[in-house]
Amino acid sequence: MTMKATTRLLLAIAALACTPGWSQAPLTQVVVRIAPDVTVATVPANAPRAAGSSVQFDAQVTGIAVAAPTGTLTYTLTSLGSEPVLTGTAPIVGGLSTWTATPAPEGYTVSVSYPGDVNYLPLSASLQAGPAEDFDFTLPTVTMAQGTTWNGAMQVVSLNGFSGTIAWACQNVPTQIGCPMSQTASVFTPANMAVPQTCPLTITTSPGDFIPAAGLILLGFAFSFKSRRRLQLFAGLAFSCALLFGVTGCGSGGNSQWNPLTPKATYQVTITGVSGAVTHSKQITVVVQ
């Protein structure tokens, strides 16, 4: 009996369907991942920037329109000086990832690492920035006698194109030491930023209120009595000193209101300069002899 062609075709298809190798072979889809385009920028721009201010890092991750890159970026901020490394992560939203940090005044390098996803390969990008606009100052060592006033200056310099006004102040001033700097300022402009400036500095010590006053009273008694009446002189002096101490040494609540002579010692005074986000503090050594 001769089989029709249609029947032979149906039997062949049935045989293939029943073959184990055909029925169990999986269908595999091969996806070839591509490299995205990663760029890094800063806000504010690379230069200029003020020392002590924060910087926003924007990383743009670009792929094909139908399948935008996804995931999280890792940021590493490495100072060109001795500051520790800063790290952080930020997600990719609409192809953009944003991370904010405060770099050290010296230059730095920021690197961005993209781990990749199902469609894109891992990739890294980096950006290097120079040092920030900053200022620095040098303090002298002060040596002075008790009860005197020292007048001098400190030197201030502009770094990396810094321009602006620096307000100075004395902080952590020990008792019996004076440092009047509340109105002192330094101004750098584009015309003079290359030239160091001198800023006046004054340190005072207390001459002591009680001892000079007691000496004046002693002098008064010396002219009021004859030399042979020494007993009355010393008695009057003792009474006057006790009275003076009661007037100047005892304030409300028993707190002393007179300033004793500054003791001989070595003191430390903190000098602080502030200009916008930039703040620097140093200690000046004051030796009272």
Protein backbone atom coordinates (compact mmCIF):
# COMPACT_ATOMS: atom_id res chain seq x y z
CA MET A 1 0.00 0.00 0.00
CA THR A 2 1.33 3.34 -0.97
CA MET A 3 1.23 6.19 1.66
CA LYS A 4 0.22 9.62 0.63
CA ALA A 5 2.78 12.39 0.90
CA THR A 6 0.75 14.18 3.53
CA THR A 7 0.65 11.12 5.69
CA ARG A 8 4.41 10.62 5.43
CA LEU A 9 5.00 14.24 6.52
CA LEU A 10 2.80 13.88 9.57
CA LEU A 11 4.54 10.70 10.65
CA ALA A 12 7.96 12.36 10.31
CA ILE A 13 6.91 15.27 12.51
CA ALA A 14 5.52 12.86 15.12
CA ALA A 15 8.77 10.92 15.16
CA LEU A 16 10.83 14.04 15.76
CA ALA A 17 8.55 15.12 18.58
CA CYS A 18 9.00 11.78 20.31
CA THR A 19 12.79 11.80 20.05
CA PRO A 20 14.36 12.52 23.56
CA GLY A 21 17.12 14.77 22.24
CA TRP A 22 14.63 17.06 20.52
CA SER A 23 12.15 17.29 23.41
CA GLN A 24 14.77 18.08 26.12
CA ALA A 25 17.06 20.55 24.29
CA PRO A 26 16.77 24.01 26.02
CA LEU A 27 16.43 27.23 24.11
CA THR A 28 19.30 29.64 25.10
CA GLN A 29 19.33 33.39 24.52
CA VAL A 30 22.82 34.91 24.41
CA VAL A 31 23.06 38.59 25.58
CA VAL A 32 26.27 40.43 24.75
CA ARG A 33 26.88 43.21 27.34
CA ILE A 34 28.26 46.49 26.10
CA ALA A 35 30.39 49.15 27.82
CA PRO A 36 28.52 52.28 28.96
CA ASP A 37 29.87 55.81 28.75
CA VAL A 38 30.79 57.22 32.21
CA THR A 39 31.78 60.88 32.71
CA VAL A 40 32.46 62.78 35.96
CA ALA A 41 31.98 66.51 36.63
CA THR A 42 32.03 68.72 39.74
CA VAL A 43 29.76 71.48 41.05
CA PRO A 44 31.29 74.02 41.41
CA ALA A 45 33.58 73.41 38.49
CA ASN A 46 37.12 72.13 38.91
CA ALA A 47 38.50 75.60 39.65
CA PRO A 48 38.21 77.79 41.50
CA ARG A 49 36.88 76.36 44.76
CA ALA A 50 37.16 77.58 48.32
CA ALA A 51 38.97 75.47 50.90
CA GLY A 52 36.58 73.95 53.41
CA SER A 53 33.60 74.04 51.04
CA SER A 54 31.71 70.98 49.83
CA VAL A 55 31.84 69.74 46.24
CA GLN A 56 29.07 67.91 44.36
CA PHE A 57 30.25 65.10 42.09
CA ASP A 58 27.97 64.28 39.14
CA ALA A 59 28.55 61.02 37.27
CA GLN A 60 26.69 60.56 34.00
CA VAL A 61 26.23 56.91 32.92
CA THR A 62 25.00 56.67 29.33
CA GLY A 63 23.89 53.59 27.37
CA ILE A 64 21.26 52.88 24.74
CA ALA A 65 17.86 54.50 25.01
CA VAL A 66 15.80 51.30 25.25
CA ALA A 67 17.81 49.95 28.23
CA ALA A 68 19.37 52.65 30.42
CA PRO A 69 22.14 51.60 32.86
CA THR A 70 20.97 50.76 36.39
CA GLY A 71 22.58 50.16 39.77
CA THR A 72 24.75 52.10 42.24
CA LEU A 73 28.06 53.90 41.77
CA THR A 74 30.92 53.84 44.28
CA TYR A 75 32.92 57.07 44.76
CA THR A 76 36.47 57.26 46.12
CA LEU A 77 38.00 60.65 46.97
CA THR A 78 41.78 60.49 47.42
CA SER A 79 43.66 63.55 48.69
CA LEU A 80 47.02 64.43 47.16
CA GLY A 81 48.15 65.32 50.69
CA SER A 82 47.90 63.41 53.96
CA GLU A 83 44.12 63.50 54.47
CA PRO A 84 42.27 60.15 54.75
CA VAL A 85 40.42 58.63 51.79
CA LEU A 86 36.68 59.40 51.58
CA THR A 87 34.22 56.93 50.06
CA GLY A 88 30.49 56.90 49.32
CA THR A 89 27.79 55.40 47.13
CA ALA A 90 24.88 56.87 45.18
CA PRO A 91 22.22 55.30 42.92
CA ILE A 92 21.82 55.95 39.20
CA VAL A 93 18.57 57.82 38.52
CA GLY A 94 17.81 58.65 34.91
CA GLY A 95 21.43 58.08 33.95
CA LEU A 96 22.77 60.48 36.63
CA SER A 97 24.38 59.75 40.00
CA THR A 98 25.23 62.52 42.50
CA TRP A 99 27.49 62.41 45.57
CA THR A 100 28.65 65.29 47.82
CA ALA A 101 31.84 65.46 49.92
CA THR A 102 34.24 68.03 51.39
CA PRO A 103 37.74 67.64 49.93
CA ALA A 104 40.85 68.77 51.76
CA PRO A 105 42.42 72.08 50.65
CA GLU A 106 45.12 70.25 48.71
CA GLY A 107 44.39 68.69 45.36
CA TYR A 108 42.54 65.39 45.03
CA THR A 109 41.45 62.65 42.65
CA VAL A 110 37.88 61.31 42.59
CA SER A 111 37.19 57.95 40.96
CA VAL A 112 33.81 56.44 40.12
CA SER A 113 33.26 52.70 39.84
CA TYR A 114 30.26 51.25 37.96
CA PRO A 115 29.67 47.53 38.71
CA GLY A 116 27.65 46.90 35.55
CA ASP A 117 24.28 45.18 35.14
CA VAL A 118 22.62 42.64 32.87
CA ASN A 119 23.15 44.84 29.81
CA TYR A 120 26.38 46.73 30.60
CA LEU A 121 29.96 45.90 31.53
CA PRO A 122 31.72 47.28 34.64
CA LEU A 123 33.57 50.53 34.10
CA SER A 124 35.53 53.16 36.06
CA ALA A 125 36.24 56.84 35.47
CA SER A 126 38.25 59.45 37.37
CA LEU A 127 38.77 63.19 37.63
CA GLN A 128 41.67 65.13 39.18
CA ALA A 129 41.34 68.59 40.72
CA GLY A 130 44.00 71.03 41.85
CA PRO A 131 44.35 72.64 45.28
CA ALA A 132 41.69 75.01 46.55
CA GLU A 133 41.91 78.75 47.15
CA ASP A 134 43.26 79.16 50.67
CA PHE A 135 45.35 81.34 52.98
CA ASP A 136 48.04 80.74 55.57
CA PHE A 137 49.69 82.80 58.30
CA THR A 138 52.86 82.72 60.42
CA LEU A 139 52.92 83.73 64.10
CA PRO A 140 55.93 85.08 66.01
CA THR A 141 57.12 83.95 69.45
CA VAL A 142 56.37 86.68 72.00
CA THR A 143 58.70 87.36 74.95
CA MET A 144 57.75 90.22 77.28
CA ALA A 145 58.16 91.51 80.83
CA GLN A 146 55.43 91.52 83.47
CA GLY A 147 53.05 94.44 83.20
CA THR A 148 54.14 95.45 79.68
CA THR A 149 52.54 95.50 76.21
CA TRP A 150 54.01 93.75 73.16
CA ASN A 151 53.29 95.11 69.67
CA GLY A 152 54.20 93.11 66.59
CA ALA A 153 52.72 91.50 63.51
CA MET A 154 51.97 88.17 61.86
CA GLN A 155 52.49 87.42 58.17
CA VAL A 156 49.54 86.37 55.98
CA VAL A 157 49.83 84.86 52.49
CA SER A 158 47.32 84.04 49.72
CA LEU A 159 47.40 80.49 48.34
CA ASN A 160 46.20 79.34 44.91
CA GLY A 161 44.62 82.64 43.94
CA PHE A 162 42.76 83.31 47.19
CA SER A 163 41.09 86.71 47.37
CA GLY A 164 38.77 88.03 50.03
CA THR A 165 38.62 89.42 53.56
CA ILE A 166 39.98 87.50 56.55
CA ALA A 167 38.54 88.36 59.96
CA TRP A 168 40.90 87.70 62.88
CA ALA A 169 40.12 86.93 66.52
CA CYS A 170 41.91 85.77 69.67
CA GLN A 171 40.47 82.71 71.39
CA ASN A 172 41.24 80.71 74.54
CA VAL A 173 43.06 83.71 76.03
CA PRO A 174 44.46 82.91 79.51
CA THR A 175 43.62 85.06 82.52
CA GLN A 176 45.82 88.16 82.91
CA ILE A 177 46.74 88.08 79.20
CA GLY A 178 45.16 90.47 76.69
CA CYS A 179 44.87 90.06 72.92
CA PRO A 180 42.74 92.85 71.36
CA MET A 181 42.06 91.70 67.77
CA SER A 182 38.29 92.04 67.40
CA GLN A 183 38.48 94.62 64.57
CA THR A 184 41.55 93.33 62.73
CA ALA A 185 41.14 92.10 59.13
CA SER A 186 43.27 91.26 56.08
CA VAL A 187 42.07 91.90 52.52
CA PHE A 188 43.46 90.14 49.44
CA THR A 189 42.47 91.28 45.95
CA PRO A 190 43.53 90.00 42.51
CA ALA A 191 45.99 92.90 42.42
CA ASN A 192 47.83 92.11 45.68
CA MET A 193 47.31 88.37 46.24
CA ALA A 194 50.89 87.61 45.24
CA VAL A 195 52.32 89.84 48.00
CA PRO A 196 52.38 88.68 51.66
CA GLN A 197 50.60 90.98 54.10
CA THR A 198 51.43 91.89 57.69
CA CYS A 199 48.63 91.97 60.24
CA PRO A 200 49.17 93.88 63.52
CA LEU A 201 49.17 91.84 66.72
CA THR A 202 49.15 93.13 70.30
CA ILE A 203 49.64 91.17 73.53
CA THR A 204 49.17 92.80 76.95
CA THR A 205 49.91 91.71 80.50
CA SER A 206 48.42 93.08 83.70
CA PRO A 207 50.61 95.48 85.71
CA GLY A 208 48.66 94.71 88.91
CA ASP A 209 46.19 97.15 90.48
CA PHE A 210 46.84 96.56 94.17
CA ILE A 211 50.65 97.00 94.34
CA PRO A 212 50.92 100.45 92.65
CA ALA A 213 48.01 101.79 94.70
CA ALA A 214 49.56 100.53 97.93
CA GLY A 215 52.83 102.20 96.95
CA LEU A 216 51.04 105.54 96.48
CA ILE A 217 49.45 105.26 99.92
CA LEU A 218 52.83 104.42 101.44
CA LEU A 219 54.29 107.52 99.80
CA GLY A 220 51.47 109.61 101.25
CA PHE A 221 52.10 108.36 104.74
CA ALA A 222 55.83 108.97 104.36
CA PHE A 223 55.13 112.70 103.88
CA SER A 224 52.44 112.83 106.56
CA PHE A 225 54.58 111.66 109.45
CA LYS A 226 58.00 112.49 110.76
CA SER A 227 60.68 109.88 110.27
CA ARG A 228 60.81 109.12 114.02
CA ARG A 229 57.19 108.08 114.07
CA ARG A 230 57.78 104.79 112.22
CA LEU A 231 55.27 102.87 114.25
CA GLN A 232 52.47 105.15 113.13
CA LEU A 233 53.73 104.93 109.55
CA PHE A 234 53.59 101.15 109.45
CA ALA A 235 50.27 101.07 111.27
CA GLY A 236 48.78 103.53 108.79
CA LEU A 237 50.17 101.58 105.87
CA ALA A 238 48.73 98.32 107.14
CA PHE A 239 45.33 99.93 107.68
CA SER A 240 45.36 101.53 104.23
CA CYS A 241 46.36 98.30 102.51
CA ALA A 242 43.59 96.42 104.27
CA LEU A 243 41.10 99.13 103.29
CA LEU A 244 42.30 99.12 99.67
CA PHE A 245 42.00 95.36 99.46
CA GLY A 246 38.49 95.57 100.88
CA VAL A 247 37.50 98.12 98.23
CA THR A 248 39.16 96.61 95.14
CA GLY A 249 39.53 92.96 96.08
CA CYS A 250 36.05 92.17 97.31
CA GLY A 251 33.25 92.53 94.80
CA SER A 252 29.70 91.31 94.90
CA GLY A 253 29.50 87.78 96.21
CA GLY A 254 33.10 87.88 97.39
CA ASN A 255 34.61 87.73 93.85
CA SER A 256 37.89 89.51 93.34
CA GLN A 257 37.62 92.67 91.24
CA TRP A 258 41.30 93.66 91.12
CA ASN A 259 43.83 92.45 88.58
CA PRO A 260 46.99 90.97 90.05
CA LEU A 261 50.36 91.17 88.32
CA THR A 262 50.60 88.63 85.49
CA PRO A 263 52.70 85.69 86.77
CA LYS A 264 55.92 84.77 85.03
CA ALA A 265 55.08 81.78 82.84
CA THR A 266 54.61 80.55 79.25
CA TYR A 267 51.10 81.00 77.84
CA GLN A 268 49.31 79.85 74.69
CA VAL A 269 46.81 82.05 72.80
CA THR A 270 44.78 80.80 69.82
CA ILE A 271 44.66 83.07 66.76
CA THR A 272 41.81 82.27 64.31
CA GLY A 273 41.25 83.63 60.79
CA VAL A 274 37.88 83.21 59.05
CA SER A 275 36.98 83.95 55.42
CA GLY A 276 33.71 82.40 54.25
CA ALA A 277 34.01 78.63 54.49
CA VAL A 278 37.75 78.83 55.18
CA THR A 279 38.81 78.76 58.85
CA HIS A 280 42.33 78.34 60.20
CA SER A 281 43.56 78.44 63.81
CA LYS A 282 47.07 78.45 65.23
CA GLN A 283 48.58 78.99 68.68
CA ILE A 284 50.99 81.75 69.58
CA THR A 285 53.44 81.25 72.45
CA VAL A 286 53.68 84.12 74.96
CA VAL A 287 56.59 84.03 77.40
CA VAL A 288 56.20 86.43 80.36
CA GLN A 289 59.50 87.01 82.19
